[in-house]
Amino acid sequence: MNRVLDDDLIYEILSVVEEIPEGCVATYGQIARLIGREKNARLVGKVLSRAEYYGKYPCHRVVNHAGRLAPGWNKQADLLFEEGVFLKDENHVDLKKYQWED
């Protein structure tokens, strides 16, 4: 990645993502809050965009604060559907129904 992101921080984020139960979603901001960096939702997104270099993590379970899926990642909707998460429109998850209660 870059000098600002050390492996400890990356794995701290990924370990939270790993805890999101099947059939639920979390937001970038929610993950940032859980690692004690509540103003760093974009940092979480940056790490998740490169998570494949660190192993297999359920990054498809992470959406933005409005429940919007990651732009350009068409497979995300399919992966969520396979877990029983239905979209309320073509790009959004119903957070009231599916958000993980950490």
PDB file of N, CA and C in Angstrom:
ATOM      1  N   MET A   1       0.843  -1.168   0.000  1.00  0.00           N
ATOM      2  CA  MET A   1       0.000   0.000   0.000  1.00  0.00           C
ATOM      3  C   MET A   1       0.896   1.242   0.000  1.00  0.00           C
ATOM      4  N   ASN A   2       0.901   1.984   1.094  1.00  0.00           N
ATOM      5  CA  ASN A   2       1.832   3.097   1.192  1.00  0.00           C
ATOM      6  C   ASN A   2       2.317   3.215   2.623  1.00  0.00           C
ATOM      7  N   ARG A   3       3.179   4.185   2.863  1.00  0.00           N
ATOM      8  CA  ARG A   3       3.803   4.300   4.189  1.00  0.00           C
ATOM      9  C   ARG A   3       2.809   4.551   5.315  1.00  0.00           C
ATOM     10  N   VAL A   4       1.691   5.198   5.017  1.00  0.00           N
ATOM     11  CA  VAL A   4       0.719   5.546   6.044  1.00  0.00           C
ATOM     12  C   VAL A   4      -0.004   4.302   6.575  1.00  0.00           C
ATOM     13  N   LEU A   5      -0.198   3.314   5.725  1.00  0.00           N
ATOM     14  CA  LEU A   5      -0.949   2.127   6.105  1.00  0.00           C
ATOM     15  C   LEU A   5       0.007   0.996   6.454  1.00  0.00           C
ATOM     16  N   ASP A   6       0.135   0.714   7.729  1.00  0.00           N
ATOM     17  CA  ASP A   6       0.990  -0.401   8.105  1.00  0.00           C
ATOM     18  C   ASP A   6       0.168  -1.682   8.192  1.00  0.00           C
ATOM     19  N   ASP A   7       0.850  -2.791   8.181  1.00  0.00           N
ATOM     20  CA  ASP A   7       0.161  -4.078   8.179  1.00  0.00           C
ATOM     21  C   ASP A   7      -0.738  -4.266   9.391  1.00  0.00           C
ATOM     22  N   ASP A   8      -0.347  -3.744  10.557  1.00  0.00           N
ATOM     23  CA  ASP A   8      -1.195  -3.896  11.748  1.00  0.00           C
ATOM     24  C   ASP A   8      -2.559  -3.249  11.543  1.00  0.00           C
ATOM     25  N   LEU A   9      -2.573  -2.047  10.978  1.00  0.00           N
ATOM     26  CA  LEU A   9      -3.831  -1.348  10.725  1.00  0.00           C
ATOM     27  C   LEU A   9      -4.656  -2.093   9.680  1.00  0.00           C
ATOM     28  N   ILE A  10      -4.009  -2.548   8.640  1.00  0.00           N
ATOM     29  CA  ILE A  10      -4.704  -3.288   7.587  1.00  0.00           C
ATOM     30  C   ILE A  10      -5.372  -4.528   8.166  1.00  0.00           C
ATOM     31  N   TYR A  11      -4.634  -5.294   8.929  1.00  0.00           N
ATOM     32  CA  TYR A  11      -5.212  -6.518   9.495  1.00  0.00           C
ATOM     33  C   TYR A  11      -6.233  -6.232  10.586  1.00  0.00           C
ATOM     34  N   GLU A  12      -6.124  -5.091  11.246  1.00  0.00           N
ATOM     35  CA  GLU A  12      -7.145  -4.699  12.222  1.00  0.00           C
ATOM     36  C   GLU A  12      -8.480  -4.462  11.505  1.00  0.00           C
ATOM     37  N   ILE A  13      -8.432  -3.768  10.386  1.00  0.00           N
ATOM     38  CA  ILE A  13      -9.636  -3.528   9.587  1.00  0.00           C
ATOM     39  C   ILE A  13     -10.187  -4.846   9.061  1.00  0.00           C
ATOM     40  N   LEU A  14      -9.314  -5.660   8.488  1.00  0.00           N
ATOM     41  CA  LEU A  14      -9.759  -6.926   7.905  1.00  0.00           C
ATOM     42  C   LEU A  14     -10.306  -7.886   8.953  1.00  0.00           C
ATOM     43  N   SER A  15      -9.790  -7.825  10.167  1.00  0.00           N
ATOM     44  CA  SER A  15     -10.307  -8.711  11.218  1.00  0.00           C
ATOM     45  C   SER A  15     -11.730  -8.337  11.602  1.00  0.00           C
ATOM     46  N   VAL A  16     -12.067  -7.044  11.548  1.00  0.00           N
ATOM     47  CA  VAL A  16     -13.446  -6.619  11.807  1.00  0.00           C
ATOM     48  C   VAL A  16     -14.344  -7.091  10.664  1.00  0.00           C
ATOM     49  N   VAL A  17     -13.889  -6.925   9.431  1.00  0.00           N
ATOM     50  CA  VAL A  17     -14.671  -7.363   8.270  1.00  0.00           C
ATOM     51  C   VAL A  17     -14.954  -8.861   8.368  1.00  0.00           C
ATOM     52  N   GLU A  18     -13.983  -9.596   8.833  1.00  0.00           N
ATOM     53  CA  GLU A  18     -14.123 -11.041   8.970  1.00  0.00           C
ATOM     54  C   GLU A  18     -15.225 -11.434   9.954  1.00  0.00           C
ATOM     55  N   GLU A  19     -15.539 -10.546  10.887  1.00  0.00           N
ATOM     56  CA  GLU A  19     -16.557 -10.821  11.906  1.00  0.00           C
ATOM     57  C   GLU A  19     -17.986 -10.523  11.456  1.00  0.00           C
ATOM     58  N   ILE A  20     -18.155  -9.842  10.341  1.00  0.00           N
ATOM     59  CA  ILE A  20     -19.508  -9.515   9.859  1.00  0.00           C
ATOM     60  C   ILE A  20     -20.204 -10.824   9.505  1.00  0.00           C
ATOM     61  N   PRO A  21     -21.317 -11.116  10.144  1.00  0.00           N
ATOM     62  CA  PRO A  21     -21.991 -12.393   9.891  1.00  0.00           C
ATOM     63  C   PRO A  21     -22.566 -12.488   8.477  1.00  0.00           C
ATOM     64  N   GLU A  22     -22.648 -13.689   7.986  1.00  0.00           N
ATOM     65  CA  GLU A  22     -23.288 -13.945   6.704  1.00  0.00           C
ATOM     66  C   GLU A  22     -24.726 -13.438   6.776  1.00  0.00           C
ATOM     67  N   GLY A  23     -25.173 -12.792   5.713  1.00  0.00           N
ATOM     68  CA  GLY A  23     -26.538 -12.265   5.683  1.00  0.00           C
ATOM     69  C   GLY A  23     -26.667 -10.876   6.278  1.00  0.00           C
ATOM     70  N   CYS A  24     -25.535 -10.272   6.652  1.00  0.00           N
ATOM     71  CA  CYS A  24     -25.527  -8.918   7.209  1.00  0.00           C
ATOM     72  C   CYS A  24     -24.522  -8.062   6.449  1.00  0.00           C
ATOM     73  N   VAL A  25     -24.662  -6.753   6.594  1.00  0.00           N
ATOM     74  CA  VAL A  25     -23.691  -5.824   6.040  1.00  0.00           C
ATOM     75  C   VAL A  25     -23.269  -4.845   7.130  1.00  0.00           C
ATOM     76  N   ALA A  26     -22.112  -4.235   6.926  1.00  0.00           N
ATOM     77  CA  ALA A  26     -21.630  -3.161   7.786  1.00  0.00           C
ATOM     78  C   ALA A  26     -21.244  -2.002   6.880  1.00  0.00           C
ATOM     79  N   THR A  27     -21.122  -0.824   7.447  1.00  0.00           N
ATOM     80  CA  THR A  27     -20.707   0.328   6.654  1.00  0.00           C
ATOM     81  C   THR A  27     -19.228   0.598   6.892  1.00  0.00           C
ATOM     82  N   TYR A  28     -18.632   1.338   5.962  1.00  0.00           N
ATOM     83  CA  TYR A  28     -17.225   1.719   6.114  1.00  0.00           C
ATOM     84  C   TYR A  28     -17.043   2.492   7.417  1.00  0.00           C
ATOM     85  N   GLY A  29     -17.967   3.399   7.689  1.00  0.00           N
ATOM     86  CA  GLY A  29     -17.888   4.193   8.915  1.00  0.00           C
ATOM     87  C   GLY A  29     -18.033   3.354  10.173  1.00  0.00           C
ATOM     88  N   GLN A  30     -18.870   2.366  10.119  1.00  0.00           N
ATOM     89  CA  GLN A  30     -19.061   1.462  11.254  1.00  0.00           C
ATOM     90  C   GLN A  30     -17.754   0.721  11.559  1.00  0.00           C
ATOM     91  N   ILE A  31     -17.079   0.256  10.526  1.00  0.00           N
ATOM     92  CA  ILE A  31     -15.813  -0.437  10.725  1.00  0.00           C
ATOM     93  C   ILE A  31     -14.769   0.524  11.269  1.00  0.00           C
ATOM     94  N   ALA A  32     -14.731   1.744  10.728  1.00  0.00           N
ATOM     95  CA  ALA A  32     -13.793   2.750  11.228  1.00  0.00           C
ATOM     96  C   ALA A  32     -14.027   3.012  12.722  1.00  0.00           C
ATOM     97  N   ARG A  33     -15.287   3.117  13.108  1.00  0.00           N
ATOM     98  CA  ARG A  33     -15.612   3.351  14.524  1.00  0.00           C
ATOM     99  C   ARG A  33     -15.141   2.183  15.394  1.00  0.00           C
ATOM    100  N   LEU A  34     -15.330   0.968  14.896  1.00  0.00           N
ATOM    101  CA  LEU A  34     -14.955  -0.222  15.672  1.00  0.00           C
ATOM    102  C   LEU A  34     -13.445  -0.353  15.901  1.00  0.00           C
ATOM    103  N   ILE A  35     -12.656   0.269  15.017  1.00  0.00           N
ATOM    104  CA  ILE A  35     -11.202   0.225  15.225  1.00  0.00           C
ATOM    105  C   ILE A  35     -10.684   1.506  15.889  1.00  0.00           C
ATOM    106  N   GLY A  36     -11.628   2.350  16.337  1.00  0.00           N
ATOM    107  CA  GLY A  36     -11.236   3.572  17.044  1.00  0.00           C
ATOM    108  C   GLY A  36     -10.803   4.704  16.138  1.00  0.00           C
ATOM    109  N   ARG A  37     -11.221   4.678  14.873  1.00  0.00           N
ATOM    110  CA  ARG A  37     -10.873   5.731  13.916  1.00  0.00           C
ATOM    111  C   ARG A  37     -12.138   6.200  13.217  1.00  0.00           C
ATOM    112  N   GLU A  38     -13.108   6.698  13.985  1.00  0.00           N
ATOM    113  CA  GLU A  38     -14.433   6.983  13.455  1.00  0.00           C
ATOM    114  C   GLU A  38     -14.469   7.967  12.293  1.00  0.00           C
ATOM    115  N   LYS A  39     -13.450   8.748  12.084  1.00  0.00           N
ATOM    116  CA  LYS A  39     -13.443   9.692  10.967  1.00  0.00           C
ATOM    117  C   LYS A  39     -12.689   9.151   9.753  1.00  0.00           C
ATOM    118  N   ASN A  40     -12.386   7.870   9.737  1.00  0.00           N
ATOM    119  CA  ASN A  40     -11.567   7.292   8.669  1.00  0.00           C
ATOM    120  C   ASN A  40     -12.281   6.238   7.827  1.00  0.00           C
ATOM    121  N   ALA A  41     -13.530   6.504   7.464  1.00  0.00           N
ATOM    122  CA  ALA A  41     -14.276   5.565   6.629  1.00  0.00           C
ATOM    123  C   ALA A  41     -13.596   5.376   5.270  1.00  0.00           C
ATOM    124  N   ARG A  42     -13.019   6.433   4.722  1.00  0.00           N
ATOM    125  CA  ARG A  42     -12.341   6.315   3.425  1.00  0.00           C
ATOM    126  C   ARG A  42     -11.109   5.430   3.520  1.00  0.00           C
ATOM    127  N   LEU A  43     -10.445   5.481   4.642  1.00  0.00           N
ATOM    128  CA  LEU A  43      -9.291   4.609   4.873  1.00  0.00           C
ATOM    129  C   LEU A  43      -9.733   3.150   4.818  1.00  0.00           C
ATOM    130  N   VAL A  44     -10.868   2.849   5.426  1.00  0.00           N
ATOM    131  CA  VAL A  44     -11.414   1.495   5.398  1.00  0.00           C
ATOM    132  C   VAL A  44     -11.685   1.084   3.954  1.00  0.00           C
ATOM    133  N   GLY A  45     -12.290   1.964   3.181  1.00  0.00           N
ATOM    134  CA  GLY A  45     -12.560   1.673   1.781  1.00  0.00           C
ATOM    135  C   GLY A  45     -11.291   1.410   0.995  1.00  0.00           C
ATOM    136  N   LYS A  46     -10.253   2.179   1.272  1.00  0.00           N
ATOM    137  CA  LYS A  46      -8.977   1.992   0.575  1.00  0.00           C
ATOM    138  C   LYS A  46      -8.387   0.618   0.890  1.00  0.00           C
ATOM    139  N   VAL A  47      -8.414   0.257   2.155  1.00  0.00           N
ATOM    140  CA  VAL A  47      -7.892  -1.059   2.552  1.00  0.00           C
ATOM    141  C   VAL A  47      -8.699  -2.168   1.891  1.00  0.00           C
ATOM    142  N   LEU A  48     -10.019  -2.051   1.919  1.00  0.00           N
ATOM    143  CA  LEU A  48     -10.861  -3.107   1.350  1.00  0.00           C
ATOM    144  C   LEU A  48     -10.692  -3.226  -0.163  1.00  0.00           C
ATOM    145  N   SER A  49     -10.381  -2.130  -0.820  1.00  0.00           N
ATOM    146  CA  SER A  49     -10.180  -2.193  -2.276  1.00  0.00           C
ATOM    147  C   SER A  49      -8.950  -3.015  -2.632  1.00  0.00           C
ATOM    148  N   ARG A  50      -8.074  -3.237  -1.655  1.00  0.00           N
ATOM    149  CA  ARG A  50      -6.838  -4.002  -1.884  1.00  0.00           C
ATOM    150  C   ARG A  50      -6.758  -5.250  -1.010  1.00  0.00           C
ATOM    151  N   ALA A  51      -7.861  -5.631  -0.427  1.00  0.00           N
ATOM    152  CA  ALA A  51      -7.882  -6.752   0.521  1.00  0.00           C
ATOM    153  C   ALA A  51      -7.453  -8.068  -0.099  1.00  0.00           C
ATOM    154  N   GLU A  52      -7.685  -8.240  -1.388  1.00  0.00           N
ATOM    155  CA  GLU A  52      -7.332  -9.501  -2.042  1.00  0.00           C
ATOM    156  C   GLU A  52      -5.849  -9.824  -1.902  1.00  0.00           C
ATOM    157  N   TYR A  53      -5.012  -8.832  -1.664  1.00  0.00           N
ATOM    158  CA  TYR A  53      -3.576  -9.061  -1.498  1.00  0.00           C
ATOM    159  C   TYR A  53      -3.233  -9.615  -0.118  1.00  0.00           C
ATOM    160  N   TYR A  54      -4.213  -9.629   0.777  1.00  0.00           N
ATOM    161  CA  TYR A  54      -3.977 -10.060   2.153  1.00  0.00           C
ATOM    162  C   TYR A  54      -4.700 -11.347   2.519  1.00  0.00           C
ATOM    163  N   GLY A  55      -5.459 -11.884   1.618  1.00  0.00           N
ATOM    164  CA  GLY A  55      -6.199 -13.113   1.894  1.00  0.00           C
ATOM    165  C   GLY A  55      -7.634 -12.987   1.438  1.00  0.00           C
ATOM    166  N   LYS A  56      -8.439 -13.922   1.905  1.00  0.00           N
ATOM    167  CA  LYS A  56      -9.854 -13.951   1.500  1.00  0.00           C
ATOM    168  C   LYS A  56     -10.708 -13.408   2.648  1.00  0.00           C
ATOM    169  N   TYR A  57     -11.367 -12.296   2.385  1.00  0.00           N
ATOM    170  CA  TYR A  57     -12.208 -11.643   3.391  1.00  0.00           C
ATOM    171  C   TYR A  57     -13.565 -11.328   2.758  1.00  0.00           C
ATOM    172  N   PRO A  58     -14.629 -11.300   3.564  1.00  0.00           N
ATOM    173  CA  PRO A  58     -15.971 -11.033   3.020  1.00  0.00           C
ATOM    174  C   PRO A  58     -16.236  -9.535   2.809  1.00  0.00           C
ATOM    175  N   CYS A  59     -15.407  -8.909   1.991  1.00  0.00           N
ATOM    176  CA  CYS A  59     -15.528  -7.469   1.749  1.00  0.00           C
ATOM    177  C   CYS A  59     -16.834  -7.099   1.073  1.00  0.00           C
ATOM    178  N   HIS A  60     -17.486  -8.067   0.457  1.00  0.00           N
ATOM    179  CA  HIS A  60     -18.776  -7.793  -0.183  1.00  0.00           C
ATOM    180  C   HIS A  60     -19.837  -7.407   0.831  1.00  0.00           C
ATOM    181  N   ARG A  61     -19.579  -7.637   2.099  1.00  0.00           N
ATOM    182  CA  ARG A  61     -20.539  -7.308   3.159  1.00  0.00           C
ATOM    183  C   ARG A  61     -20.403  -5.871   3.652  1.00  0.00           C
ATOM    184  N   VAL A  62     -19.596  -5.069   2.992  1.00  0.00           N
ATOM    185  CA  VAL A  62     -19.384  -3.681   3.416  1.00  0.00           C
ATOM    186  C   VAL A  62     -19.942  -2.738   2.356  1.00  0.00           C
ATOM    187  N   VAL A  63     -20.751  -1.783   2.818  1.00  0.00           N
ATOM    188  CA  VAL A  63     -21.412  -0.805   1.952  1.00  0.00           C
ATOM    189  C   VAL A  63     -21.200   0.592   2.524  1.00  0.00           C
ATOM    190  N   ASN A  64     -21.618   1.611   1.792  1.00  0.00           N
ATOM    191  CA  ASN A  64     -21.445   2.959   2.338  1.00  0.00           C
ATOM    192  C   ASN A  64     -22.562   3.290   3.342  1.00  0.00           C
ATOM    193  N   HIS A  65     -22.530   4.490   3.879  1.00  0.00           N
ATOM    194  CA  HIS A  65     -23.465   4.900   4.943  1.00  0.00           C
ATOM    195  C   HIS A  65     -24.924   4.874   4.513  1.00  0.00           C
ATOM    196  N   ALA A  66     -25.172   4.917   3.199  1.00  0.00           N
ATOM    197  CA  ALA A  66     -26.545   4.882   2.684  1.00  0.00           C
ATOM    198  C   ALA A  66     -26.941   3.485   2.201  1.00  0.00           C
ATOM    199  N   GLY A  67     -26.038   2.528   2.374  1.00  0.00           N
ATOM    200  CA  GLY A  67     -26.318   1.165   1.926  1.00  0.00           C
ATOM    201  C   GLY A  67     -25.950   0.912   0.478  1.00  0.00           C
ATOM    202  N   ARG A  68     -25.270   1.883  -0.156  1.00  0.00           N
ATOM    203  CA  ARG A  68     -24.915   1.743  -1.566  1.00  0.00           C
ATOM    204  C   ARG A  68     -23.767   0.759  -1.748  1.00  0.00           C
ATOM    205  N   LEU A  69     -23.884  -0.055  -2.771  1.00  0.00           N
ATOM    206  CA  LEU A  69     -22.836  -1.008  -3.103  1.00  0.00           C
ATOM    207  C   LEU A  69     -21.633  -0.276  -3.680  1.00  0.00           C
ATOM    208  N   ALA A  70     -20.492  -0.952  -3.687  1.00  0.00           N
ATOM    209  CA  ALA A  70     -19.278  -0.364  -4.242  1.00  0.00           C
ATOM    210  C   ALA A  70     -19.442  -0.160  -5.752  1.00  0.00           C
ATOM    211  N   PRO A  71     -19.203   1.053  -6.244  1.00  0.00           N
ATOM    212  CA  PRO A  71     -19.343   1.313  -7.675  1.00  0.00           C
ATOM    213  C   PRO A  71     -18.373   0.444  -8.488  1.00  0.00           C
ATOM    214  N   GLY A  72     -18.874  -0.105  -9.567  1.00  0.00           N
ATOM    215  CA  GLY A  72     -18.024  -0.878 -10.454  1.00  0.00           C
ATOM    216  C   GLY A  72     -17.759  -2.315 -10.044  1.00  0.00           C
ATOM    217  N   TRP A  73     -18.305  -2.735  -8.919  1.00  0.00           N
ATOM    218  CA  TRP A  73     -18.102  -4.116  -8.468  1.00  0.00           C
ATOM    219  C   TRP A  73     -19.430  -4.852  -8.612  1.00  0.00           C
ATOM    220  N   ASN A  74     -19.713  -5.316  -9.803  1.00  0.00           N
ATOM    221  CA  ASN A  74     -20.991  -5.947 -10.109  1.00  0.00           C
ATOM    222  C   ASN A  74     -21.219  -7.242  -9.343  1.00  0.00           C
ATOM    223  N   LYS A  75     -20.178  -7.940  -8.989  1.00  0.00           N
ATOM    224  CA  LYS A  75     -20.311  -9.219  -8.303  1.00  0.00           C
ATOM    225  C   LYS A  75     -20.796  -9.062  -6.848  1.00  0.00           C
ATOM    226  N   GLN A  76     -20.642  -7.880  -6.279  1.00  0.00           N
ATOM    227  CA  GLN A  76     -21.034  -7.657  -4.888  1.00  0.00           C
ATOM    228  C   GLN A  76     -22.503  -7.989  -4.662  1.00  0.00           C
ATOM    229  N   ALA A  77     -23.364  -7.549  -5.529  1.00  0.00           N
ATOM    230  CA  ALA A  77     -24.803  -7.814  -5.383  1.00  0.00           C
ATOM    231  C   ALA A  77     -25.077  -9.310  -5.427  1.00  0.00           C
ATOM    232  N   ASP A  78     -24.413 -10.019  -6.319  1.00  0.00           N
ATOM    233  CA  ASP A  78     -24.601 -11.470  -6.424  1.00  0.00           C
ATOM    234  C   ASP A  78     -24.158 -12.185  -5.153  1.00  0.00           C
ATOM    235  N   LEU A  79     -23.011 -11.770  -4.610  1.00  0.00           N
ATOM    236  CA  LEU A  79     -22.504 -12.400  -3.389  1.00  0.00           C
ATOM    237  C   LEU A  79     -23.453 -12.159  -2.215  1.00  0.00           C
ATOM    238  N   LEU A  80     -23.987 -10.958  -2.110  1.00  0.00           N
ATOM    239  CA  LEU A  80     -24.932 -10.661  -1.037  1.00  0.00           C
ATOM    240  C   LEU A  80     -26.229 -11.455  -1.221  1.00  0.00           C
ATOM    241  N   PHE A  81     -26.710 -11.529  -2.451  1.00  0.00           N
ATOM    242  CA  PHE A  81     -27.926 -12.283  -2.740  1.00  0.00           C
ATOM    243  C   PHE A  81     -27.764 -13.751  -2.325  1.00  0.00           C
ATOM    244  N   GLU A  82     -26.595 -14.328  -2.600  1.00  0.00           N
ATOM    245  CA  GLU A  82     -26.324 -15.716  -2.219  1.00  0.00           C
ATOM    246  C   GLU A  82     -26.412 -15.923  -0.709  1.00  0.00           C
ATOM    247  N   GLU A  83     -26.217 -14.859   0.059  1.00  0.00           N
ATOM    248  CA  GLU A  83     -26.291 -14.932   1.521  1.00  0.00           C
ATOM    249  C   GLU A  83     -27.659 -14.520   2.046  1.00  0.00           C
ATOM    250  N   GLY A  84     -28.600 -14.233   1.154  1.00  0.00           N
ATOM    251  CA  GLY A  84     -29.942 -13.864   1.590  1.00  0.00           C
ATOM    252  C   GLY A  84     -30.164 -12.386   1.803  1.00  0.00           C
ATOM    253  N   VAL A  85     -29.227 -11.550   1.335  1.00  0.00           N
ATOM    254  CA  VAL A  85     -29.384 -10.101   1.437  1.00  0.00           C
ATOM    255  C   VAL A  85     -29.964  -9.606   0.120  1.00  0.00           C
ATOM    256  N   PHE A  86     -31.169  -9.043   0.195  1.00  0.00           N
ATOM    257  CA  PHE A  86     -31.842  -8.550  -0.990  1.00  0.00           C
ATOM    258  C   PHE A  86     -31.692  -7.034  -1.067  1.00  0.00           C
ATOM    259  N   LEU A  87     -31.531  -6.536  -2.271  1.00  0.00           N
ATOM    260  CA  LEU A  87     -31.368  -5.101  -2.476  1.00  0.00           C
ATOM    261  C   LEU A  87     -32.727  -4.421  -2.546  1.00  0.00           C
ATOM    262  N   LYS A  88     -32.811  -3.205  -2.019  1.00  0.00           N
ATOM    263  CA  LYS A  88     -34.073  -2.463  -2.100  1.00  0.00           C
ATOM    264  C   LYS A  88     -34.201  -1.742  -3.437  1.00  0.00           C
ATOM    265  N   ASP A  89     -33.094  -1.546  -4.130  1.00  0.00           N
ATOM    266  CA  ASP A  89     -33.082  -1.116  -5.527  1.00  0.00           C
ATOM    267  C   ASP A  89     -31.794  -1.678  -6.109  1.00  0.00           C
ATOM    268  N   GLU A  90     -31.453  -1.334  -7.316  1.00  0.00           N
ATOM    269  CA  GLU A  90     -30.324  -2.019  -7.950  1.00  0.00           C
ATOM    270  C   GLU A  90     -28.968  -1.737  -7.313  1.00  0.00           C
ATOM    271  N   ASN A  91     -28.856  -0.724  -6.468  1.00  0.00           N
ATOM    272  CA  ASN A  91     -27.562  -0.362  -5.884  1.00  0.00           C
ATOM    273  C   ASN A  91     -27.533  -0.237  -4.369  1.00  0.00           C
ATOM    274  N   HIS A  92     -28.631  -0.513  -3.688  1.00  0.00           N
ATOM    275  CA  HIS A  92     -28.685  -0.257  -2.245  1.00  0.00           C
ATOM    276  C   HIS A  92     -29.237  -1.432  -1.439  1.00  0.00           C
ATOM    277  N   VAL A  93     -28.600  -1.641  -0.294  1.00  0.00           N
ATOM    278  CA  VAL A  93     -29.068  -2.603   0.699  1.00  0.00           C
ATOM    279  C   VAL A  93     -29.917  -1.836   1.708  1.00  0.00           C
ATOM    280  N   ASP A  94     -30.949  -2.443   2.209  1.00  0.00           N
ATOM    281  CA  ASP A  94     -31.780  -1.848   3.258  1.00  0.00           C
ATOM    282  C   ASP A  94     -31.044  -2.014   4.586  1.00  0.00           C
ATOM    283  N   LEU A  95     -30.394  -0.941   5.040  1.00  0.00           N
ATOM    284  CA  LEU A  95     -29.600  -1.023   6.269  1.00  0.00           C
ATOM    285  C   LEU A  95     -30.461  -1.309   7.498  1.00  0.00           C
ATOM    286  N   LYS A  96     -31.698  -0.844   7.506  1.00  0.00           N
ATOM    287  CA  LYS A  96     -32.566  -1.118   8.653  1.00  0.00           C
ATOM    288  C   LYS A  96     -32.810  -2.611   8.806  1.00  0.00           C
ATOM    289  N   LYS A  97     -32.779  -3.325   7.721  1.00  0.00           N
ATOM    290  CA  LYS A  97     -33.062  -4.756   7.740  1.00  0.00           C
ATOM    291  C   LYS A  97     -31.791  -5.606   7.871  1.00  0.00           C
ATOM    292  N   TYR A  98     -30.708  -5.197   7.220  1.00  0.00           N
ATOM    293  CA  TYR A  98     -29.543  -6.074   7.118  1.00  0.00           C
ATOM    294  C   TYR A  98     -28.277  -5.599   7.840  1.00  0.00           C
ATOM    295  N   GLN A  99     -28.288  -4.387   8.434  1.00  0.00           N
ATOM    296  CA  GLN A  99     -27.047  -3.905   9.042  1.00  0.00           C
ATOM    297  C   GLN A  99     -26.664  -4.725  10.273  1.00  0.00           C
ATOM    298  N   TRP A 100     -25.432  -5.078  10.334  1.00  0.00           N
ATOM    299  CA  TRP A 100     -24.846  -5.824  11.451  1.00  0.00           C
ATOM    300  C   TRP A 100     -24.880  -4.964  12.692  1.00  0.00           C
ATOM    301  N   GLU A 101     -25.393  -5.524  13.752  1.00  0.00           N
ATOM    302  CA  GLU A 101     -25.398  -4.821  15.033  1.00  0.00           C
ATOM    303  C   GLU A 101     -24.201  -5.293  15.836  1.00  0.00           C
ATOM    304  N   ASP A 102     -23.133  -4.513  15.691  1.00  0.00           N
ATOM    305  CA  ASP A 102     -21.874  -4.859  16.352  1.00  0.00           C
ATOM    306  C   ASP A 102     -22.061  -4.710  17.816  1.00  0.00           C
TER     307      ASP A 102
END
